[in-house]
Structures are given as C-alpha cells and as structure tokens.
PDB file of N, CA and C in Angstrom:
ATOM      1  N   MET A   1     124.495  83.994  61.342  1.00  0.00           N
ATOM      2  CA  MET A   1     123.332  83.733  62.297  1.00  0.00           C
ATOM      3  C   MET A   1     122.725  85.022  62.836  1.00  0.00           C
ATOM      4  N   PRO A   2     121.355  84.880  62.756  1.00  0.00           N
ATOM      5  CA  PRO A   2     120.601  86.151  63.446  1.00  0.00           C
ATOM      6  C   PRO A   2     120.905  86.126  64.924  1.00  0.00           C
ATOM      7  N   ASP A   3     121.082  87.491  65.391  1.00  0.00           N
ATOM      8  CA  ASP A   3     121.410  87.779  66.674  1.00  0.00           C
ATOM      9  C   ASP A   3     119.812  87.861  67.598  1.00  0.00           C
ATOM     10  N   TYR A   4     119.158  86.537  67.991  1.00  0.00           N
ATOM     11  CA  TYR A   4     118.235  86.692  68.590  1.00  0.00           C
ATOM     12  C   TYR A   4     118.110  87.308  69.852  1.00  0.00           C
ATOM     13  N   ARG A   5     118.993  87.558  70.508  1.00  0.00           N
ATOM     14  CA  ARG A   5     119.075  88.156  71.791  1.00  0.00           C
ATOM     15  C   ARG A   5     119.000  89.687  71.334  1.00  0.00           C
ATOM     16  N   ARG A   6     119.575  90.330  70.677  1.00  0.00           N
ATOM     17  CA  ARG A   6     119.109  91.838  70.007  1.00  0.00           C
ATOM     18  C   ARG A   6     117.718  91.755  69.387  1.00  0.00           C
ATOM     19  N   LEU A   7     117.332  91.099  68.918  1.00  0.00           N
ATOM     20  CA  LEU A   7     115.936  90.804  68.160  1.00  0.00           C
ATOM     21  C   LEU A   7     115.121  90.954  68.781  1.00  0.00           C
ATOM     22  N   LEU A   8     114.879  89.937  69.941  1.00  0.00           N
ATOM     23  CA  LEU A   8     114.056  90.155  71.034  1.00  0.00           C
ATOM     24  C   LEU A   8     113.824  91.277  72.073  1.00  0.00           C
ATOM     25  N   ASN A   9     115.073  91.781  72.178  1.00  0.00           N
ATOM     26  CA  ASN A   9     115.171  92.929  72.818  1.00  0.00           C
ATOM     27  C   ASN A   9     114.539  94.020  72.271  1.00  0.00           C
ATOM     28  N   GLU A  10     114.829  94.286  70.805  1.00  0.00           N
ATOM     29  CA  GLU A  10     114.231  95.104  70.174  1.00  0.00           C
ATOM     30  C   GLU A  10     112.797  95.133  69.929  1.00  0.00           C
ATOM     31  N   TRP A  11     112.469  94.299  69.710  1.00  0.00           N
ATOM     32  CA  TRP A  11     110.664  93.559  69.146  1.00  0.00           C
ATOM     33  C   TRP A  11     110.033  93.889  70.687  1.00  0.00           C
ATOM     34  N   LEU A  12     110.459  93.342  71.498  1.00  0.00           N
ATOM     35  CA  LEU A  12     109.671  93.660  72.581  1.00  0.00           C
ATOM     36  C   LEU A  12     109.954  94.724  73.589  1.00  0.00           C
ATOM     37  N   ARG A  13     110.988  95.603  73.153  1.00  0.00           N
ATOM     38  CA  ARG A  13     111.370  97.046  73.674  1.00  0.00           C
ATOM     39  C   ARG A  13     112.063  96.526  74.922  1.00  0.00           C
ATOM     40  N   GLY A  14     112.815  95.373  74.828  1.00  0.00           N
ATOM     41  CA  GLY A  14     113.292  95.223  76.397  1.00  0.00           C
ATOM     42  C   GLY A  14     114.287  96.441  77.035  1.00  0.00           C
ATOM     43  N   GLU A  15     114.475  96.110  78.258  1.00  0.00           N
ATOM     44  CA  GLU A  15     115.414  96.775  78.999  1.00  0.00           C
ATOM     45  C   GLU A  15     116.402  96.077  79.896  1.00  0.00           C
ATOM     46  N   THR A  16     117.739  96.229  79.691  1.00  0.00           N
ATOM     47  CA  THR A  16     118.670  95.623  80.603  1.00  0.00           C
ATOM     48  C   THR A  16     119.044  96.375  81.995  1.00  0.00           C
ATOM     49  N   LEU A  17     118.681  95.769  82.984  1.00  0.00           N
ATOM     50  CA  LEU A  17     119.157  96.399  84.308  1.00  0.00           C
ATOM     51  C   LEU A  17     120.422  95.977  84.904  1.00  0.00           C
ATOM     52  N   GLN A  18     121.167  96.764  85.156  1.00  0.00           N
ATOM     53  CA  GLN A  18     122.483  96.695  85.759  1.00  0.00           C
ATOM     54  C   GLN A  18     122.385  96.900  87.105  1.00  0.00           C
ATOM     55  N   ILE A  19     122.406  95.837  87.965  1.00  0.00           N
ATOM     56  CA  ILE A  19     122.187  95.914  89.281  1.00  0.00           C
ATOM     57  C   ILE A  19     123.660  95.658  90.039  1.00  0.00           C
ATOM     58  N   GLY A  20     124.302  96.668  90.697  1.00  0.00           N
ATOM     59  CA  GLY A  20     125.488  96.107  91.460  1.00  0.00           C
ATOM     60  C   GLY A  20     125.620  95.163  92.446  1.00  0.00           C
ATOM     61  N   HIS A  21     126.552  94.221  92.734  1.00  0.00           N
ATOM     62  CA  HIS A  21     126.459  93.324  93.780  1.00  0.00           C
ATOM     63  C   HIS A  21     125.867  93.739  94.852  1.00  0.00           C
ATOM     64  N   ASP A  22     125.990  94.577  95.524  1.00  0.00           N
ATOM     65  CA  ASP A  22     125.555  94.904  96.702  1.00  0.00           C
ATOM     66  C   ASP A  22     124.517  96.156  96.876  1.00  0.00           C
ATOM     67  N   ALA A  23     123.926  96.385  95.771  1.00  0.00           N
ATOM     68  CA  ALA A  23     122.922  97.196  95.432  1.00  0.00           C
ATOM     69  C   ALA A  23     121.551  96.902  95.574  1.00  0.00           C
ATOM     70  N   LEU A  24     120.596  97.589  96.269  1.00  0.00           N
ATOM     71  CA  LEU A  24     119.192  97.384  96.687  1.00  0.00           C
ATOM     72  C   LEU A  24     118.662  96.844  95.292  1.00  0.00           C
ATOM     73  N   LEU A  25     117.618  95.817  95.389  1.00  0.00           N
ATOM     74  CA  LEU A  25     117.131  95.523  94.143  1.00  0.00           C
ATOM     75  C   LEU A  25     115.946  96.516  94.024  1.00  0.00           C
ATOM     76  N   PRO A  26     115.605  96.810  92.582  1.00  0.00           N
ATOM     77  CA  PRO A  26     114.248  97.366  92.089  1.00  0.00           C
ATOM     78  C   PRO A  26     112.969  96.785  93.030  1.00  0.00           C
ATOM     79  N   ALA A  27     112.419  97.809  93.720  1.00  0.00           N
ATOM     80  CA  ALA A  27     111.319  97.431  94.150  1.00  0.00           C
ATOM     81  C   ALA A  27     110.154  96.610  93.342  1.00  0.00           C
ATOM     82  N   ASN A  28     110.089  96.762  92.101  1.00  0.00           N
ATOM     83  CA  ASN A  28     109.356  96.523  90.859  1.00  0.00           C
ATOM     84  C   ASN A  28     109.908  95.318  90.243  1.00  0.00           C
ATOM     85  N   LEU A  29     111.131  94.715  90.483  1.00  0.00           N
ATOM     86  CA  LEU A  29     111.847  93.807  89.800  1.00  0.00           C
ATOM     87  C   LEU A  29     110.807  92.552  89.591  1.00  0.00           C
ATOM     88  N   ASN A  30     110.003  92.163  90.516  1.00  0.00           N
ATOM     89  CA  ASN A  30     109.395  91.121  90.221  1.00  0.00           C
ATOM     90  C   ASN A  30     108.014  91.294  89.436  1.00  0.00           C
ATOM     91  N   THR A  31     107.771  92.597  89.202  1.00  0.00           N
ATOM     92  CA  THR A  31     106.663  92.775  88.212  1.00  0.00           C
ATOM     93  C   THR A  31     106.845  93.138  86.860  1.00  0.00           C
ATOM     94  N   LEU A  32     108.039  93.261  86.469  1.00  0.00           N
ATOM     95  CA  LEU A  32     108.572  93.502  85.116  1.00  0.00           C
ATOM     96  C   LEU A  32     108.493  92.157  84.202  1.00  0.00           C
ATOM     97  N   LEU A  33     108.089  92.383  83.082  1.00  0.00           N
ATOM     98  CA  LEU A  33     107.757  91.407  82.112  1.00  0.00           C
ATOM     99  C   LEU A  33     109.262  90.791  81.889  1.00  0.00           C
ATOM    100  N   SER A  34     109.318  89.361  81.876  1.00  0.00           N
ATOM    101  CA  SER A  34     110.492  88.512  81.371  1.00  0.00           C
ATOM    102  C   SER A  34     110.242  87.528  80.490  1.00  0.00           C
ATOM    103  N   PRO A  35     111.091  86.847  79.830  1.00  0.00           N
ATOM    104  CA  PRO A  35     110.625  86.050  78.580  1.00  0.00           C
ATOM    105  C   PRO A  35     109.833  84.653  79.718  1.00  0.00           C
ATOM    106  N   SER A  36     110.014  84.488  80.664  1.00  0.00           N
ATOM    107  CA  SER A  36     109.413  83.405  81.424  1.00  0.00           C
ATOM    108  C   SER A  36     108.010  84.087  81.919  1.00  0.00           C
ATOM    109  N   ARG A  37     107.880  85.250  82.160  1.00  0.00           N
ATOM    110  CA  ARG A  37     106.657  86.017  82.403  1.00  0.00           C
ATOM    111  C   ARG A  37     105.685  85.927  81.173  1.00  0.00           C
ATOM    112  N   LEU A  38     106.563  86.144  80.464  1.00  0.00           N
ATOM    113  CA  LEU A  38     105.605  86.139  78.797  1.00  0.00           C
ATOM    114  C   LEU A  38     104.983  85.327  78.392  1.00  0.00           C
ATOM    115  N   THR A  39     105.514  83.718  79.137  1.00  0.00           N
ATOM    116  CA  THR A  39     104.811  82.580  78.254  1.00  0.00           C
ATOM    117  C   THR A  39     103.563  82.466  79.508  1.00  0.00           C
ATOM    118  N   GLU A  40     103.251  83.426  80.369  1.00  0.00           N
ATOM    119  CA  GLU A  40     101.989  83.320  81.156  1.00  0.00           C
ATOM    120  C   GLU A  40     101.052  83.905  80.421  1.00  0.00           C
ATOM    121  N   SER A  41     101.202  84.838  79.748  1.00  0.00           N
ATOM    122  CA  SER A  41     100.538  85.876  79.216  1.00  0.00           C
ATOM    123  C   SER A  41      99.326  85.446  78.415  1.00  0.00           C
ATOM    124  N   GLY A  42      98.130  85.889  79.486  1.00  0.00           N
ATOM    125  CA  GLY A  42      96.672  85.387  78.864  1.00  0.00           C
ATOM    126  C   GLY A  42      95.898  84.030  79.693  1.00  0.00           C
ATOM    127  N   LEU A  43      97.237  83.484  80.595  1.00  0.00           N
ATOM    128  CA  LEU A  43      96.699  82.441  81.420  1.00  0.00           C
ATOM    129  C   LEU A  43      96.068  82.975  82.868  1.00  0.00           C
ATOM    130  N   GLU A  44      94.809  82.464  82.996  1.00  0.00           N
ATOM    131  CA  GLU A  44      94.295  82.895  84.275  1.00  0.00           C
ATOM    132  C   GLU A  44      93.813  81.666  85.137  1.00  0.00           C
ATOM    133  N   LEU A  45      93.980  81.913  86.809  1.00  0.00           N
ATOM    134  CA  LEU A  45      94.000  80.832  87.465  1.00  0.00           C
ATOM    135  C   LEU A  45      92.524  81.102  87.917  1.00  0.00           C
ATOM    136  N   PRO A  46      91.399  80.437  88.169  1.00  0.00           N
ATOM    137  CA  PRO A  46      90.024  80.570  88.820  1.00  0.00           C
ATOM    138  C   PRO A  46      90.422  80.816  90.199  1.00  0.00           C
ATOM    139  N   GLY A  47      89.489  81.629  90.916  1.00  0.00           N
ATOM    140  CA  GLY A  47      89.605  81.868  92.433  1.00  0.00           C
ATOM    141  C   GLY A  47      90.572  82.528  92.888  1.00  0.00           C
ATOM    142  N   PRO A  48      90.287  82.813  94.375  1.00  0.00           N
ATOM    143  CA  PRO A  48      91.239  83.567  95.218  1.00  0.00           C
ATOM    144  C   PRO A  48      92.623  82.822  95.151  1.00  0.00           C
ATOM    145  N   ILE A  49      93.302  83.801  95.502  1.00  0.00           N
ATOM    146  CA  ILE A  49      94.886  83.259  95.772  1.00  0.00           C
ATOM    147  C   ILE A  49      94.865  82.883  97.220  1.00  0.00           C
ATOM    148  N   ASN A  50      95.274  81.693  97.452  1.00  0.00           N
ATOM    149  CA  ASN A  50      95.457  81.172  98.706  1.00  0.00           C
ATOM    150  C   ASN A  50      96.681  80.451  98.926  1.00  0.00           C
ATOM    151  N   ASP A  51      97.862  80.622  98.043  1.00  0.00           N
ATOM    152  CA  ASP A  51      98.927  79.930  98.396  1.00  0.00           C
ATOM    153  C   ASP A  51     100.273  81.306  98.237  1.00  0.00           C
ATOM    154  N   ALA A  52      99.593  82.558  97.942  1.00  0.00           N
ATOM    155  CA  ALA A  52     100.813  83.495  97.845  1.00  0.00           C
ATOM    156  C   ALA A  52     101.586  83.850  98.869  1.00  0.00           C
ATOM    157  N   GLY A  53     102.889  84.098  98.981  1.00  0.00           N
ATOM    158  CA  GLY A  53     103.365  84.577  99.898  1.00  0.00           C
ATOM    159  C   GLY A  53     104.852  84.828  99.650  1.00  0.00           C
ATOM    160  N   PHE A  54     105.601  84.379 100.592  1.00  0.00           N
ATOM    161  CA  PHE A  54     107.372  84.445 100.544  1.00  0.00           C
ATOM    162  C   PHE A  54     108.017  83.328 100.591  1.00  0.00           C
ATOM    163  N   TYR A  55     108.729  82.655 100.042  1.00  0.00           N
ATOM    164  CA  TYR A  55     109.530  81.755 100.246  1.00  0.00           C
ATOM    165  C   TYR A  55     110.905  81.725 100.759  1.00  0.00           C
ATOM    166  N   VAL A  56     111.238  81.490 102.174  1.00  0.00           N
ATOM    167  CA  VAL A  56     112.246  81.968 102.766  1.00  0.00           C
ATOM    168  C   VAL A  56     113.295  80.879 102.688  1.00  0.00           C
ATOM    169  N   GLY A  57     114.129  81.194 102.060  1.00  0.00           N
ATOM    170  CA  GLY A  57     115.552  79.989 101.864  1.00  0.00           C
ATOM    171  C   GLY A  57     116.933  80.641 101.753  1.00  0.00           C
ATOM    172  N   SER A  58     117.653  79.671 101.294  1.00  0.00           N
ATOM    173  CA  SER A  58     118.893  80.182 100.850  1.00  0.00           C
ATOM    174  C   SER A  58     119.309  80.148  99.606  1.00  0.00           C
ATOM    175  N   ALA A  59     119.877  81.278  98.994  1.00  0.00           N
ATOM    176  CA  ALA A  59     119.813  81.368  97.568  1.00  0.00           C
ATOM    177  C   ALA A  59     121.102  80.594  97.167  1.00  0.00           C
ATOM    178  N   GLY A  60     122.133  80.012  98.117  1.00  0.00           N
ATOM    179  CA  GLY A  60     122.926  79.016  97.932  1.00  0.00           C
ATOM    180  C   GLY A  60     122.617  77.652  98.199  1.00  0.00           C
ATOM    181  N   ASN A  61     121.519  77.331  98.329  1.00  0.00           N
ATOM    182  CA  ASN A  61     120.852  76.146  98.529  1.00  0.00           C
ATOM    183  C   ASN A  61     120.191  75.555  97.547  1.00  0.00           C
ATOM    184  N   PHE A  62     120.747  74.548  96.999  1.00  0.00           N
ATOM    185  CA  PHE A  62     120.300  74.113  95.333  1.00  0.00           C
ATOM    186  C   PHE A  62     118.302  73.715  95.671  1.00  0.00           C
ATOM    187  N   THR A  63     118.339  73.045  96.855  1.00  0.00           N
ATOM    188  CA  THR A  63     117.122  72.652  97.088  1.00  0.00           C
ATOM    189  C   THR A  63     115.976  73.697  97.059  1.00  0.00           C
ATOM    190  N   ASP A  64     116.204  74.566  97.968  1.00  0.00           N
ATOM    191  CA  ASP A  64     115.227  75.872  97.964  1.00  0.00           C
ATOM    192  C   ASP A  64     115.011  76.445  96.820  1.00  0.00           C
ATOM    193  N   LEU A  65     116.298  76.585  96.121  1.00  0.00           N
ATOM    194  CA  LEU A  65     116.183  76.933  94.546  1.00  0.00           C
ATOM    195  C   LEU A  65     115.016  76.431  93.698  1.00  0.00           C
ATOM    196  N   VAL A  66     115.299  74.930  93.849  1.00  0.00           N
ATOM    197  CA  VAL A  66     114.010  74.149  92.947  1.00  0.00           C
ATOM    198  C   VAL A  66     112.808  74.328  93.762  1.00  0.00           C
ATOM    199  N   ASN A  67     112.861  73.955  95.092  1.00  0.00           N
ATOM    200  CA  ASN A  67     111.431  74.398  95.598  1.00  0.00           C
ATOM    201  C   ASN A  67     110.770  75.196  95.072  1.00  0.00           C
ATOM    202  N   PHE A  68     111.373  76.496  95.120  1.00  0.00           N
ATOM    203  CA  PHE A  68     110.812  77.960  95.079  1.00  0.00           C
ATOM    204  C   PHE A  68     110.538  77.791  93.583  1.00  0.00           C
ATOM    205  N   TRP A  69     111.445  77.442  92.538  1.00  0.00           N
ATOM    206  CA  TRP A  69     110.915  77.557  91.010  1.00  0.00           C
ATOM    207  C   TRP A  69     109.807  76.385  90.958  1.00  0.00           C
ATOM    208  N   ASN A  70     109.924  75.451  91.517  1.00  0.00           N
ATOM    209  CA  ASN A  70     108.751  74.505  91.296  1.00  0.00           C
ATOM    210  C   ASN A  70     107.194  75.455  91.868  1.00  0.00           C
ATOM    211  N   LEU A  71     107.353  75.534  92.726  1.00  0.00           N
ATOM    212  CA  LEU A  71     105.882  76.415  93.279  1.00  0.00           C
ATOM    213  C   LEU A  71     105.831  77.550  92.216  1.00  0.00           C
ATOM    214  N   ARG A  72     106.738  78.321  91.750  1.00  0.00           N
ATOM    215  CA  ARG A  72     106.464  79.449  90.892  1.00  0.00           C
ATOM    216  C   ARG A  72     105.887  78.610  89.505  1.00  0.00           C
ATOM    217  N   ALA A  73     106.445  77.735  88.958  1.00  0.00           N
ATOM    218  CA  ALA A  73     105.966  76.942  87.852  1.00  0.00           C
ATOM    219  C   ALA A  73     104.439  76.338  88.100  1.00  0.00           C
ATOM    220  N   ALA A  74     104.052  76.347  89.379  1.00  0.00           N
ATOM    221  CA  ALA A  74     102.874  75.794  89.542  1.00  0.00           C
ATOM    222  C   ALA A  74     101.735  76.953  89.722  1.00  0.00           C
ATOM    223  N   GLY A  75     102.126  78.071  89.484  1.00  0.00           N
ATOM    224  CA  GLY A  75     101.335  79.350  89.445  1.00  0.00           C
ATOM    225  C   GLY A  75     101.362  80.012  90.741  1.00  0.00           C
ATOM    226  N   VAL A  76     102.052  79.413  92.073  1.00  0.00           N
ATOM    227  CA  VAL A  76     101.700  80.025  93.038  1.00  0.00           C
ATOM    228  C   VAL A  76     102.815  81.513  93.136  1.00  0.00           C
ATOM    229  N   GLU A  77     102.066  82.255  93.642  1.00  0.00           N
ATOM    230  CA  GLU A  77     102.549  83.928  93.545  1.00  0.00           C
ATOM    231  C   GLU A  77     103.583  84.007  94.842  1.00  0.00           C
ATOM    232  N   VAL A  78     105.104  83.345  94.780  1.00  0.00           N
ATOM    233  CA  VAL A  78     105.687  83.672  95.931  1.00  0.00           C
ATOM    234  C   VAL A  78     107.031  84.469  95.507  1.00  0.00           C
ATOM    235  N   VAL A  79     107.484  85.352  96.203  1.00  0.00           N
ATOM    236  CA  VAL A  79     108.776  86.021  95.896  1.00  0.00           C
ATOM    237  C   VAL A  79     109.861  85.251  96.966  1.00  0.00           C
ATOM    238  N   PHE A  80     110.925  84.981  96.386  1.00  0.00           N
ATOM    239  CA  PHE A  80     111.941  84.298  97.060  1.00  0.00           C
ATOM    240  C   PHE A  80     112.742  85.419  98.080  1.00  0.00           C
ATOM    241  N   ALA A  81     112.708  85.026  99.416  1.00  0.00           N
ATOM    242  CA  ALA A  81     113.612  85.992 100.374  1.00  0.00           C
ATOM    243  C   ALA A  81     114.730  85.179 101.142  1.00  0.00           C
ATOM    244  N   ASP A  82     115.867  85.399 100.731  1.00  0.00           N
ATOM    245  CA  ASP A  82     117.022  84.954 101.411  1.00  0.00           C
ATOM    246  C   ASP A  82     117.344  86.005 102.378  1.00  0.00           C
ATOM    247  N   LEU A  83     117.258  85.520 103.753  1.00  0.00           N
ATOM    248  CA  LEU A  83     117.479  86.667 104.956  1.00  0.00           C
ATOM    249  C   LEU A  83     118.997  86.961 104.977  1.00  0.00           C
ATOM    250  N   GLN A  84     119.916  86.459 104.392  1.00  0.00           N
ATOM    251  CA  GLN A  84     121.218  87.015 104.205  1.00  0.00           C
ATOM    252  C   GLN A  84     121.386  88.406 103.448  1.00  0.00           C
ATOM    253  N   PHE A  85     120.419  88.245 102.542  1.00  0.00           N
ATOM    254  CA  PHE A  85     120.403  89.482 101.543  1.00  0.00           C
ATOM    255  C   PHE A  85     119.045  90.467 101.709  1.00  0.00           C
ATOM    256  N   LEU A  86     118.566  90.169 103.089  1.00  0.00           N
ATOM    257  CA  LEU A  86     117.193  91.097 103.366  1.00  0.00           C
ATOM    258  C   LEU A  86     117.193  92.491 103.073  1.00  0.00           C
ATOM    259  N   ASN A  87     118.434  93.150 103.274  1.00  0.00           N
ATOM    260  CA  ASN A  87     118.625  94.555 103.150  1.00  0.00           C
ATOM    261  C   ASN A  87     118.485  94.723 101.496  1.00  0.00           C
ATOM    262  N   ARG A  88     118.812  93.957 100.560  1.00  0.00           N
ATOM    263  CA  ARG A  88     118.858  94.175  99.324  1.00  0.00           C
ATOM    264  C   ARG A  88     117.478  93.935  98.826  1.00  0.00           C
ATOM    265  N   LEU A  89     116.713  93.057  99.376  1.00  0.00           N
ATOM    266  CA  LEU A  89     115.277  92.643  99.307  1.00  0.00           C
ATOM    267  C   LEU A  89     114.225  93.493  99.426  1.00  0.00           C
ATOM    268  N   THR A  90     114.492  94.259 100.639  1.00  0.00           N
ATOM    269  CA  THR A  90     113.298  94.854 101.418  1.00  0.00           C
ATOM    270  C   THR A  90     112.231  95.635 100.206  1.00  0.00           C
ATOM    271  N   PRO A  91     113.110  96.537  99.222  1.00  0.00           N
ATOM    272  CA  PRO A  91     111.906  96.822  98.411  1.00  0.00           C
ATOM    273  C   PRO A  91     111.013  96.386  97.601  1.00  0.00           C
ATOM    274  N   MET A  92     111.556  95.003  97.197  1.00  0.00           N
ATOM    275  CA  MET A  92     110.574  94.004  96.409  1.00  0.00           C
ATOM    276  C   MET A  92     109.656  93.317  97.635  1.00  0.00           C
ATOM    277  N   ILE A  93     110.119  93.063  98.552  1.00  0.00           N
ATOM    278  CA  ILE A  93     109.366  92.221  99.581  1.00  0.00           C
ATOM    279  C   ILE A  93     108.363  93.155  99.794  1.00  0.00           C
ATOM    280  N   ASP A  94     108.359  94.731 100.124  1.00  0.00           N
ATOM    281  CA  ASP A  94     107.311  95.540 100.567  1.00  0.00           C
ATOM    282  C   ASP A  94     106.251  95.736  99.608  1.00  0.00           C
ATOM    283  N   VAL A  95     106.758  95.724  98.129  1.00  0.00           N
ATOM    284  CA  VAL A  95     105.451  95.692  96.970  1.00  0.00           C
ATOM    285  C   VAL A  95     104.586  94.411  97.085  1.00  0.00           C
ATOM    286  N   HIS A  96     105.556  93.457  97.198  1.00  0.00           N
ATOM    287  CA  HIS A  96     104.720  91.907  97.414  1.00  0.00           C
ATOM    288  C   HIS A  96     103.835  91.917  98.595  1.00  0.00           C
ATOM    289  N   ARG A  97     104.335  92.665  99.541  1.00  0.00           N
ATOM    290  CA  ARG A  97     103.315  92.337 101.027  1.00  0.00           C
ATOM    291  C   ARG A  97     102.192  93.265 100.707  1.00  0.00           C
ATOM    292  N   THR A  98     102.618  94.522 100.046  1.00  0.00           N
ATOM    293  CA  THR A  98     100.972  95.304  99.741  1.00  0.00           C
ATOM    294  C   THR A  98     100.178  94.799  98.959  1.00  0.00           C
ATOM    295  N   TRP A  99     100.857  93.773  97.757  1.00  0.00           N
ATOM    296  CA  TRP A  99      99.781  93.199  96.948  1.00  0.00           C
ATOM    297  C   TRP A  99      99.176  92.235  97.767  1.00  0.00           C
ATOM    298  N   LEU A 100     100.033  91.232  98.724  1.00  0.00           N
ATOM    299  CA  LEU A 100      99.088  90.333  99.476  1.00  0.00           C
ATOM    300  C   LEU A 100      98.145  90.847 100.222  1.00  0.00           C
ATOM    301  N   GLU A 101      98.552  91.791 100.970  1.00  0.00           N
ATOM    302  CA  GLU A 101      97.498  92.566 102.037  1.00  0.00           C
ATOM    303  C   GLU A 101      96.123  92.929 101.018  1.00  0.00           C
ATOM    304  N   ARG A 102      96.534  93.631  99.670  1.00  0.00           N
ATOM    305  CA  ARG A 102      95.214  93.773  98.856  1.00  0.00           C
ATOM    306  C   ARG A 102      94.133  92.468  98.702  1.00  0.00           C
ATOM    307  N   CYS A 103      95.059  91.420  98.138  1.00  0.00           N
ATOM    308  CA  CYS A 103      94.411  89.987  98.051  1.00  0.00           C
ATOM    309  C   CYS A 103      93.670  89.639  99.181  1.00  0.00           C
ATOM    310  N   LEU A 104      94.083  89.729 100.571  1.00  0.00           N
ATOM    311  CA  LEU A 104      93.493  89.563 101.788  1.00  0.00           C
ATOM    312  C   LEU A 104      92.159  90.306 102.188  1.00  0.00           C
ATOM    313  N   ARG A 105      92.176  91.490 101.586  1.00  0.00           N
ATOM    314  CA  ARG A 105      91.049  92.364 101.858  1.00  0.00           C
ATOM    315  C   ARG A 105      90.150  91.808 100.788  1.00  0.00           C
ATOM    316  N   ASN A 106      90.317  91.617  99.750  1.00  0.00           N
ATOM    317  CA  ASN A 106      89.412  91.291  98.776  1.00  0.00           C
ATOM    318  C   ASN A 106      89.641  89.738  98.189  1.00  0.00           C
ATOM    319  N   PRO A 107      89.564  88.709  98.741  1.00  0.00           N
ATOM    320  CA  PRO A 107      89.855  87.398  98.845  1.00  0.00           C
ATOM    321  C   PRO A 107      89.088  86.843  97.324  1.00  0.00           C
ATOM    322  N   GLY A 108      87.816  87.310  97.159  1.00  0.00           N
ATOM    323  CA  GLY A 108      87.383  86.799  95.897  1.00  0.00           C
ATOM    324  C   GLY A 108      88.086  87.080  94.505  1.00  0.00           C
ATOM    325  N   ALA A 109      88.729  88.076  94.685  1.00  0.00           N
ATOM    326  CA  ALA A 109      89.314  88.630  93.402  1.00  0.00           C
ATOM    327  C   ALA A 109      90.937  88.224  93.054  1.00  0.00           C
ATOM    328  N   ARG A 110      91.164  87.876  91.892  1.00  0.00           N
ATOM    329  CA  ARG A 110      92.585  87.534  91.632  1.00  0.00           C
ATOM    330  C   ARG A 110      93.212  89.002  91.223  1.00  0.00           C
ATOM    331  N   THR A 111      94.017  89.518  91.480  1.00  0.00           N
ATOM    332  CA  THR A 111      94.681  90.904  91.199  1.00  0.00           C
ATOM    333  C   THR A 111      95.956  90.319  90.702  1.00  0.00           C
ATOM    334  N   GLU A 112      96.566  90.841  89.457  1.00  0.00           N
ATOM    335  CA  GLU A 112      97.973  90.523  88.971  1.00  0.00           C
ATOM    336  C   GLU A 112      98.922  91.220  89.731  1.00  0.00           C
ATOM    337  N   PRO A 113     100.045  90.703  90.648  1.00  0.00           N
ATOM    338  CA  PRO A 113     100.686  91.557  90.925  1.00  0.00           C
ATOM    339  C   PRO A 113     101.873  92.124  89.966  1.00  0.00           C
ATOM    340  N   ARG A 114     101.834  91.480  88.946  1.00  0.00           N
ATOM    341  CA  ARG A 114     102.982  92.207  87.968  1.00  0.00           C
ATOM    342  C   ARG A 114     102.406  92.817  86.922  1.00  0.00           C
ATOM    343  N   GLN A 115     103.008  94.202  86.654  1.00  0.00           N
ATOM    344  CA  GLN A 115     102.433  94.900  85.646  1.00  0.00           C
ATOM    345  C   GLN A 115     103.601  95.160  84.425  1.00  0.00           C
ATOM    346  N   SER A 116     103.328  94.474  83.378  1.00  0.00           N
ATOM    347  CA  SER A 116     104.415  94.419  82.431  1.00  0.00           C
ATOM    348  C   SER A 116     104.770  95.595  81.666  1.00  0.00           C
ATOM    349  N   GLY A 117     103.928  96.987  81.885  1.00  0.00           N
ATOM    350  CA  GLY A 117     104.279  97.827  81.327  1.00  0.00           C
ATOM    351  C   GLY A 117     105.173  98.683  82.242  1.00  0.00           C
ATOM    352  N   TYR A 118     105.279  98.333  83.337  1.00  0.00           N
ATOM    353  CA  TYR A 118     106.006  99.605  84.598  1.00  0.00           C
ATOM    354  C   TYR A 118     107.338  99.329  84.407  1.00  0.00           C
ATOM    355  N   ARG A 119     107.985 100.274  84.445  1.00  0.00           N
ATOM    356  CA  ARG A 119     109.457 100.323  84.567  1.00  0.00           C
ATOM    357  C   ARG A 119     110.019 101.060  85.743  1.00  0.00           C
ATOM    358  N   ALA A 120     110.978 100.732  86.526  1.00  0.00           N
ATOM    359  CA  ALA A 120     111.497 101.300  87.508  1.00  0.00           C
ATOM    360  C   ALA A 120     111.898 102.656  87.144  1.00  0.00           C
ATOM    361  N   PRO A 121     111.929 103.577  87.904  1.00  0.00           N
ATOM    362  CA  PRO A 121     112.110 105.131  87.773  1.00  0.00           C
ATOM    363  C   PRO A 121     113.740 105.206  87.951  1.00  0.00           C
TER     364      PRO A 121
END
C-alpha cells in the first residue's frame, strides 16, 4: 500500500514541526500551509474583513473547540486563544493582531494573513 503521508510530505515539500509540551508556539504557526489551508487555495471572500479576531476559550472545552472550528469553516479569520496557555500563544497572537491592525487601517482591502511559502526561522 502506498505511503500517502510520505508522498504528500514529499510532493508538497512538507515540514514537520516538533513543538515541546511547554514550548512557545512559532509566531507564524497560523500562516503555514496545512492540508486544510490548501483546500482554501484560490477561494476569495469579497469585501472587507468584519469578523476577524480572536476566539477566547478553553482547549479542554469541546463546545469552544467546535464553535471555533465552525467559525473557521465559515471563513472567519480567528485565532484560538486559551488564556491558560497565553505565554505559549503570545508570538502567534502578536502576528495576528498586527494583521488585524493592518486590516483596520485599510478596511476596503482583504489581505491574506497566511503566507504559504513562509517558514519559521
């Protein structure tokens, strides 16, 4: 049987990130190309971003997780923030906040926060 994981990783020049249990998450984690992000390729939402922001919830709460992923599935650019892990999330939150501020300064333009070619240093 073909090793689909290896083939997908090879063909898309994938990268595996090893993140320690208590380590800071990479600031650009939500900008990297993922299989679910790839399914959005070429799709564009018209107009300004009015619903982007942060979803503050608990990673241990099933309802929070479902609500967050439903917002994402609807095209809302939100980043999940669990205050219990705020110290690990700060770099990623800062990148998203900067993007939100850019959108607020230019509300008629929809700029994409994710850059599929960017890799963490």
